[in-house]
Amino acid sequence: MSAPSPVTRFIPDPKTVAIVGCPFRGGQAKLGVDKGPIRMVEAGLVGQLTELGWNVQFDGHHQFEEIGALDDPPIGKLKNPRFVSRVCKAVAEVVGGHAQKGQLPLTLGGDHSLAMGTISGTLSRYPDACVVWVDAHADINTAETTDSGNIHGMPLAFLLGLGPQIPEFDWVKPLLTPSRLVYIGLRDVDAGEKRILKENGIRAFSMHDVDKHGIGRVVEMALDHVNPKRDKPIHLSFDVDALDPSVAPSTGTPVRGGLTFREGHYICEAIYETGSLVALDIMEVNPTLSDIESVKQTVAVGCSLARSALGETLL
């Protein structure tokens, strides 16, 4: 284990990580992903981060029942659009509030639609921040290209201002630019998403690139693209389905051929070493989708990814 680096340039001493627990599943159809944050905290994450030398602020998980939309018919294909929008707006305000105080928000999901909120919150404090998105999926479908209508496959389209305008999401300011987004780990990308990536010149490193170059070189190239001087704030959004199902089996949309345990952790370690991390998401841990041991394994991996991104080292 290791204490926080003195070169964490955007987070003042005493360094504080604010855990934002988001037990939310409205961006997709499978039950259980709302239990992910609860299980990670129960697994001892607060104490683990304290041992790394961080001050940890955790005031309990956010409850979204009061902002649920009882009457929430689809908008086009989009499912639960009002509920997702309201929750993500609330998350944006919470994450932005922590960032304004100089704290590092660690958001535990919950489904990846939440990143619409977390990244909006980050950009409200750090408008020049770049995003490293680690995922099997591109999550950049628009209302026109989505087949499923599940908004967890769409947050980046909203953040980039792509696709038709939907009044319910007018609060999402398209502050993210394509040049400040990079993907690592893609291997299940819809045809419409491939077209969006190409048309917008968005840099994406698929598992083919990881196989070809190795994870060390891929992370270096990814950072060279979005943050060549390593002086911009970094928001790391990590969907555990980026990992191979043998590593993180208890997640909603597993895809074989993913990152190994060490490849996933190396990404987090390398981002930490830049000294520029300002926000972290650990998303899509679903403790209801597998046997007890697989669930424990996935929850443990979610916690260890967070520790690696916040300074834990092997030696």
Protein backbone atom coordinates (compact mmCIF):
# COMPACT_ATOMS: atom_id res chain seq x y z
CA MET A 1 0.00 0.00 0.00
CA SER A 2 1.03 3.58 -0.59
CA ALA A 3 0.05 7.02 0.67
CA PRO A 4 -1.37 9.59 -1.74
CA SER A 5 1.27 11.10 -3.98
CA PRO A 6 2.51 14.62 -3.27
CA VAL A 7 2.08 15.38 -6.98
CA THR A 8 -1.73 15.08 -6.91
CA ARG A 9 -1.80 18.57 -8.32
CA PHE A 10 -5.51 19.33 -8.30
CA ILE A 11 -6.48 17.93 -4.88
CA PRO A 12 -5.19 20.06 -1.98
CA ASP A 13 -3.94 18.67 1.32
CA PRO A 14 -5.35 17.11 3.37
CA LYS A 15 -6.43 14.95 0.46
CA THR A 16 -10.07 13.94 0.71
CA VAL A 17 -11.98 11.39 -1.35
CA ALA A 18 -15.77 11.73 -1.21
CA ILE A 19 -17.59 8.45 -1.86
CA VAL A 20 -20.81 9.05 -3.78
CA GLY A 21 -22.86 5.86 -3.51
CA CYS A 22 -25.44 5.68 -6.30
CA PRO A 23 -27.69 2.61 -6.01
CA PHE A 24 -29.39 3.24 -9.33
CA ARG A 25 -30.46 0.93 -12.17
CA GLY A 26 -32.83 3.07 -14.25
CA GLY A 27 -30.52 3.26 -17.28
CA GLN A 28 -30.87 -0.45 -18.04
CA ALA A 29 -33.29 -3.31 -17.52
CA LYS A 30 -31.56 -5.84 -15.26
CA LEU A 31 -32.29 -5.90 -11.55
CA GLY A 32 -29.51 -5.72 -8.99
CA VAL A 33 -26.96 -3.20 -10.24
CA ASP A 34 -28.35 -0.77 -7.68
CA LYS A 35 -26.91 -3.10 -5.01
CA GLY A 36 -23.33 -2.70 -6.28
CA PRO A 37 -22.38 0.41 -4.27
CA ILE A 38 -23.85 -1.03 -1.09
CA ARG A 39 -21.83 -4.23 -1.42
CA MET A 40 -18.58 -2.36 -2.17
CA VAL A 41 -18.96 -0.23 0.95
CA GLU A 42 -19.89 -3.30 3.00
CA ALA A 43 -16.68 -4.93 1.72
CA GLY A 44 -14.66 -2.31 3.59
CA LEU A 45 -13.85 0.26 0.92
CA VAL A 46 -13.94 3.20 3.34
CA GLY A 47 -11.32 1.64 5.59
CA GLN A 48 -9.22 0.52 2.64
CA LEU A 49 -8.96 4.07 1.32
CA THR A 50 -8.27 5.43 4.78
CA GLU A 51 -5.32 3.02 5.01
CA LEU A 52 -3.97 4.57 1.81
CA GLY A 53 -3.75 7.92 3.61
CA TRP A 54 -6.91 9.56 2.28
CA ASN A 55 -9.45 11.38 4.36
CA VAL A 56 -12.66 9.60 3.37
CA GLN A 57 -16.04 11.31 3.39
CA PHE A 58 -19.03 9.01 3.10
CA ASP A 59 -22.42 10.18 4.28
CA GLY A 60 -24.44 7.18 3.17
CA HIS A 61 -25.82 6.14 -0.18
CA HIS A 62 -27.99 8.54 -2.13
CA GLN A 63 -31.65 7.62 -2.23
CA PHE A 64 -33.47 8.33 -5.46
CA GLU A 65 -37.01 7.24 -4.61
CA GLU A 66 -38.12 10.81 -4.02
CA ILE A 67 -37.12 11.86 -7.53
CA GLY A 68 -38.49 8.81 -9.28
CA ALA A 69 -40.95 9.55 -12.05
CA LEU A 70 -44.09 7.48 -11.53
CA ASP A 71 -45.37 8.33 -15.00
CA ASP A 72 -42.33 7.93 -17.22
CA PRO A 73 -43.33 6.69 -20.67
CA PRO A 74 -40.61 6.23 -23.27
CA ILE A 75 -39.48 9.17 -25.36
CA GLY A 76 -39.01 7.56 -28.73
CA LYS A 77 -37.04 4.44 -27.78
CA LEU A 78 -35.57 5.92 -24.60
CA LYS A 79 -36.63 4.04 -21.46
CA ASN A 80 -37.13 5.78 -18.09
CA PRO A 81 -35.92 9.08 -19.57
CA ARG A 82 -37.28 11.41 -16.89
CA PHE A 83 -36.08 9.27 -14.01
CA VAL A 84 -32.60 8.88 -15.51
CA SER A 85 -32.39 12.60 -16.25
CA ARG A 86 -33.45 13.66 -12.75
CA VAL A 87 -31.10 11.24 -11.02
CA CYS A 88 -28.15 12.20 -13.21
CA LYS A 89 -28.83 15.89 -12.63
CA ALA A 90 -28.84 15.29 -8.87
CA VAL A 91 -25.59 13.30 -9.15
CA ALA A 92 -24.02 16.12 -11.19
CA GLU A 93 -24.80 18.56 -8.42
CA VAL A 94 -23.36 16.29 -5.72
CA VAL A 95 -20.19 15.46 -7.67
CA GLY A 96 -19.72 19.09 -8.70
CA GLY A 97 -20.14 20.16 -5.08
CA HIS A 98 -17.40 17.81 -3.90
CA ALA A 99 -15.12 18.94 -6.72
CA GLN A 100 -15.70 22.60 -5.85
CA LYS A 101 -14.50 21.83 -2.31
CA GLY A 102 -11.27 20.35 -3.64
CA GLN A 103 -12.34 16.78 -2.91
CA LEU A 104 -12.00 13.82 -5.28
CA PRO A 105 -15.44 12.30 -5.96
CA LEU A 106 -15.46 8.50 -6.17
CA THR A 107 -18.84 7.50 -7.57
CA LEU A 108 -19.96 3.91 -7.08
CA GLY A 109 -22.64 2.68 -9.46
CA GLY A 110 -25.08 1.70 -10.34
CA ASP A 111 -25.42 1.68 -14.10
CA HIS A 112 -23.22 3.72 -16.42
CA SER A 113 -25.91 6.24 -17.34
CA LEU A 114 -24.79 7.87 -14.07
CA ALA A 115 -21.65 9.09 -15.83
CA MET A 116 -23.83 11.69 -17.54
CA GLY A 117 -24.07 13.17 -14.06
CA THR A 118 -20.60 12.47 -12.74
CA ILE A 119 -18.79 13.91 -15.76
CA SER A 120 -21.11 16.92 -15.86
CA GLY A 121 -20.21 17.52 -12.23
CA THR A 122 -16.50 17.24 -12.96
CA LEU A 123 -16.71 19.62 -15.92
CA SER A 124 -18.55 22.20 -13.82
CA ARG A 125 -15.37 22.52 -11.74
CA TYR A 126 -12.72 21.53 -14.30
CA PRO A 127 -14.02 22.60 -17.74
CA ASP A 128 -10.81 21.44 -19.46
CA ALA A 129 -10.90 17.95 -17.94
CA CYS A 130 -10.38 14.94 -20.15
CA VAL A 131 -12.21 11.62 -19.83
CA VAL A 132 -10.66 8.17 -19.91
CA TRP A 133 -13.53 5.73 -20.47
CA VAL A 134 -12.68 2.08 -19.74
CA ASP A 135 -15.43 -0.21 -20.99
CA ALA A 136 -16.33 -3.08 -23.29
CA HIS A 137 -18.95 -0.76 -24.82
CA ALA A 138 -18.76 2.73 -26.30
CA ASP A 139 -21.92 4.03 -24.58
CA ILE A 140 -22.27 6.70 -27.26
CA ASN A 141 -25.55 5.76 -28.92
CA THR A 142 -27.92 8.61 -29.65
CA ALA A 143 -31.71 8.56 -29.55
CA GLU A 144 -31.51 7.78 -33.28
CA THR A 145 -28.97 4.95 -33.16
CA THR A 146 -29.97 3.07 -30.01
CA ASP A 147 -31.64 -0.29 -30.51
CA SER A 148 -32.43 -1.05 -26.89
CA GLY A 149 -33.39 2.40 -25.63
CA ASN A 150 -31.35 1.75 -22.48
CA ILE A 151 -29.75 5.05 -21.53
CA HIS A 152 -26.70 3.40 -19.94
CA GLY A 153 -25.58 2.96 -23.56
CA MET A 154 -25.94 6.68 -24.30
CA PRO A 155 -24.30 8.96 -21.70
CA LEU A 156 -21.40 10.10 -23.86
CA ALA A 157 -23.71 11.16 -26.68
CA PHE A 158 -25.44 13.54 -24.26
CA LEU A 159 -22.14 14.81 -22.85
CA LEU A 160 -20.83 15.52 -26.36
CA GLY A 161 -24.09 17.07 -27.60
CA LEU A 162 -24.63 14.42 -30.28
CA GLY A 163 -27.96 13.38 -31.73
CA PRO A 164 -31.37 15.01 -31.50
CA GLN A 165 -32.07 17.39 -28.64
CA ILE A 166 -34.35 15.97 -25.96
CA PRO A 167 -35.85 18.63 -23.67
CA GLU A 168 -35.73 16.39 -20.59
CA PHE A 169 -31.93 16.40 -20.87
CA ASP A 170 -31.46 20.12 -21.56
CA TRP A 171 -29.55 20.45 -18.28
CA VAL A 172 -26.67 18.39 -19.75
CA LYS A 173 -24.26 20.95 -21.18
CA PRO A 174 -22.17 19.56 -24.05
CA LEU A 175 -18.91 20.68 -22.44
CA LEU A 176 -16.99 17.56 -23.39
CA THR A 177 -15.22 17.68 -26.75
CA PRO A 178 -14.24 14.64 -28.85
CA SER A 179 -10.54 15.47 -28.49
CA ARG A 180 -10.80 15.13 -24.70
CA LEU A 181 -12.34 11.65 -24.70
CA VAL A 182 -10.46 8.40 -25.10
CA TYR A 183 -11.58 4.79 -24.74
CA ILE A 184 -9.71 1.71 -23.56
CA GLY A 185 -11.00 -1.87 -23.77
CA LEU A 186 -13.75 -1.66 -26.42
CA ARG A 187 -14.91 -4.92 -27.97
CA ASP A 188 -18.71 -4.73 -28.35
CA VAL A 189 -19.54 -1.60 -30.35
CA ASP A 190 -22.78 -1.07 -32.26
CA ALA A 191 -22.65 -0.16 -35.94
CA GLY A 192 -24.10 3.28 -35.28
CA GLU A 193 -21.52 3.87 -32.57
CA LYS A 194 -18.66 2.91 -34.88
CA ARG A 195 -19.91 5.53 -37.31
CA ILE A 196 -20.15 8.16 -34.54
CA LEU A 197 -16.61 7.45 -33.39
CA LYS A 198 -15.24 7.79 -36.91
CA GLU A 199 -17.25 10.90 -37.82
CA ASN A 200 -16.15 12.69 -34.66
CA GLY A 201 -12.53 11.57 -34.68
CA ILE A 202 -12.80 10.02 -31.22
CA ARG A 203 -9.75 7.99 -30.26
CA ALA A 204 -10.59 4.48 -29.13
CA PHE A 205 -8.27 1.65 -28.16
CA SER A 206 -10.03 -1.67 -28.57
CA MET A 207 -8.92 -5.03 -27.20
CA HIS A 208 -7.20 -5.53 -30.55
CA ASP A 209 -4.94 -2.60 -29.67
CA VAL A 210 -4.30 -4.00 -26.21
CA ASP A 211 -3.35 -7.34 -27.75
CA LYS A 212 -1.13 -5.67 -30.34
CA HIS A 213 0.69 -3.09 -28.24
CA GLY A 214 0.33 -4.20 -24.63
CA ILE A 215 -1.51 -2.28 -21.96
CA GLY A 216 1.44 -0.07 -21.02
CA ARG A 217 1.78 1.35 -24.51
CA VAL A 218 -1.99 1.68 -24.94
CA VAL A 219 -2.35 3.75 -21.77
CA GLU A 220 0.59 5.92 -22.83
CA MET A 221 -0.95 6.52 -26.27
CA ALA A 222 -4.35 7.21 -24.74
CA LEU A 223 -2.93 9.81 -22.38
CA ASP A 224 -0.78 11.30 -25.13
CA HIS A 225 -3.97 11.90 -27.09
CA VAL A 226 -6.15 13.54 -24.43
CA ASN A 227 -3.52 14.89 -22.05
CA PRO A 228 -0.14 15.12 -23.78
CA LYS A 229 1.51 17.22 -21.07
CA ARG A 230 -0.27 15.33 -18.27
CA ASP A 231 -1.39 18.72 -16.95
CA LYS A 232 -5.16 18.51 -17.55
CA PRO A 233 -7.53 17.10 -14.93
CA ILE A 234 -8.55 13.48 -15.61
CA HIS A 235 -11.93 11.88 -14.99
CA LEU A 236 -11.58 8.09 -15.07
CA SER A 237 -14.87 6.27 -15.70
CA PHE A 238 -14.41 2.51 -15.31
CA ASP A 239 -17.14 0.01 -16.17
CA VAL A 240 -16.18 -3.35 -14.68
CA ASP A 241 -17.39 -5.10 -17.83
CA ALA A 242 -14.19 -3.84 -19.43
CA LEU A 243 -12.62 -6.72 -17.55
CA ASP A 244 -12.92 -10.23 -18.88
CA PRO A 245 -15.90 -12.12 -17.37
CA SER A 246 -13.42 -14.51 -15.78
CA VAL A 247 -12.19 -11.52 -13.72
CA ALA A 248 -15.49 -9.66 -13.10
CA PRO A 249 -18.31 -12.13 -13.79
CA SER A 250 -21.11 -10.38 -11.89
CA THR A 251 -21.98 -7.55 -14.25
CA GLY A 252 -24.94 -6.90 -16.53
CA THR A 253 -23.41 -7.03 -20.01
CA PRO A 254 -20.31 -9.25 -19.87
CA VAL A 255 -18.33 -9.74 -23.09
CA ARG A 256 -15.57 -12.33 -23.37
CA GLY A 257 -12.10 -11.32 -24.47
CA GLY A 258 -11.69 -8.45 -22.03
CA LEU A 259 -8.95 -6.94 -19.92
CA THR A 260 -7.08 -9.17 -17.50
CA PHE A 261 -7.00 -8.41 -13.78
CA ARG A 262 -3.58 -6.80 -14.09
CA GLU A 263 -4.41 -4.86 -17.27
CA GLY A 264 -7.40 -3.26 -15.57
CA HIS A 265 -5.40 -2.37 -12.50
CA TYR A 266 -2.48 -1.08 -14.53
CA ILE A 267 -4.78 1.47 -16.17
CA CYS A 268 -5.80 2.74 -12.73
CA GLU A 269 -2.23 2.79 -11.44
CA ALA A 270 -0.98 4.69 -14.48
CA ILE A 271 -3.74 7.30 -14.22
CA TYR A 272 -2.88 7.82 -10.56
CA GLU A 273 0.80 8.25 -11.42
CA THR A 274 -0.02 11.24 -13.62
CA GLY A 275 -1.02 13.18 -10.52
CA SER A 276 -3.98 14.55 -12.48
CA LEU A 277 -6.91 12.38 -11.39
CA VAL A 278 -9.81 14.51 -10.14
CA ALA A 279 -12.77 12.09 -10.31
CA LEU A 280 -13.33 8.34 -10.49
CA ASP A 281 -16.34 6.17 -11.36
CA ILE A 282 -16.57 2.43 -10.66
CA MET A 283 -19.71 1.26 -12.46
CA GLU A 284 -21.90 -1.75 -13.26
CA VAL A 285 -21.01 -4.09 -10.38
CA ASN A 286 -24.17 -6.20 -10.10
CA PRO A 287 -24.09 -8.54 -7.10
CA THR A 288 -27.25 -10.44 -8.10
CA LEU A 289 -26.19 -11.98 -11.39
CA SER A 290 -23.91 -14.81 -10.36
CA ASP A 291 -23.04 -17.32 -7.65
CA ILE A 292 -21.81 -16.17 -4.25
CA GLU A 293 -18.10 -16.58 -5.01
CA SER A 294 -18.36 -14.77 -8.35
CA VAL A 295 -20.20 -11.91 -6.66
CA LYS A 296 -17.53 -11.65 -3.95
CA GLN A 297 -14.86 -11.69 -6.66
CA THR A 298 -16.51 -8.89 -8.65
CA VAL A 299 -17.15 -6.71 -5.58
CA ALA A 300 -13.52 -7.23 -4.50
CA VAL A 301 -12.29 -6.24 -7.97
CA GLY A 302 -14.40 -3.08 -7.89
CA CYS A 303 -12.80 -2.12 -4.59
CA SER A 304 -9.28 -2.96 -5.73
CA LEU A 305 -9.68 -0.89 -8.91
CA ALA A 306 -10.64 2.08 -6.74
CA ARG A 307 -7.62 1.51 -4.48
CA SER A 308 -5.27 1.29 -7.47
CA ALA A 309 -6.62 4.55 -8.91
CA LEU A 310 -6.09 6.21 -5.53
CA GLY A 311 -2.51 5.17 -4.94
CA GLU A 312 -2.23 1.54 -3.95
CA THR A 313 0.94 -0.02 -5.36
CA LEU A 314 2.25 -3.57 -5.57
CA LEU A 315 5.47 -2.73 -3.71
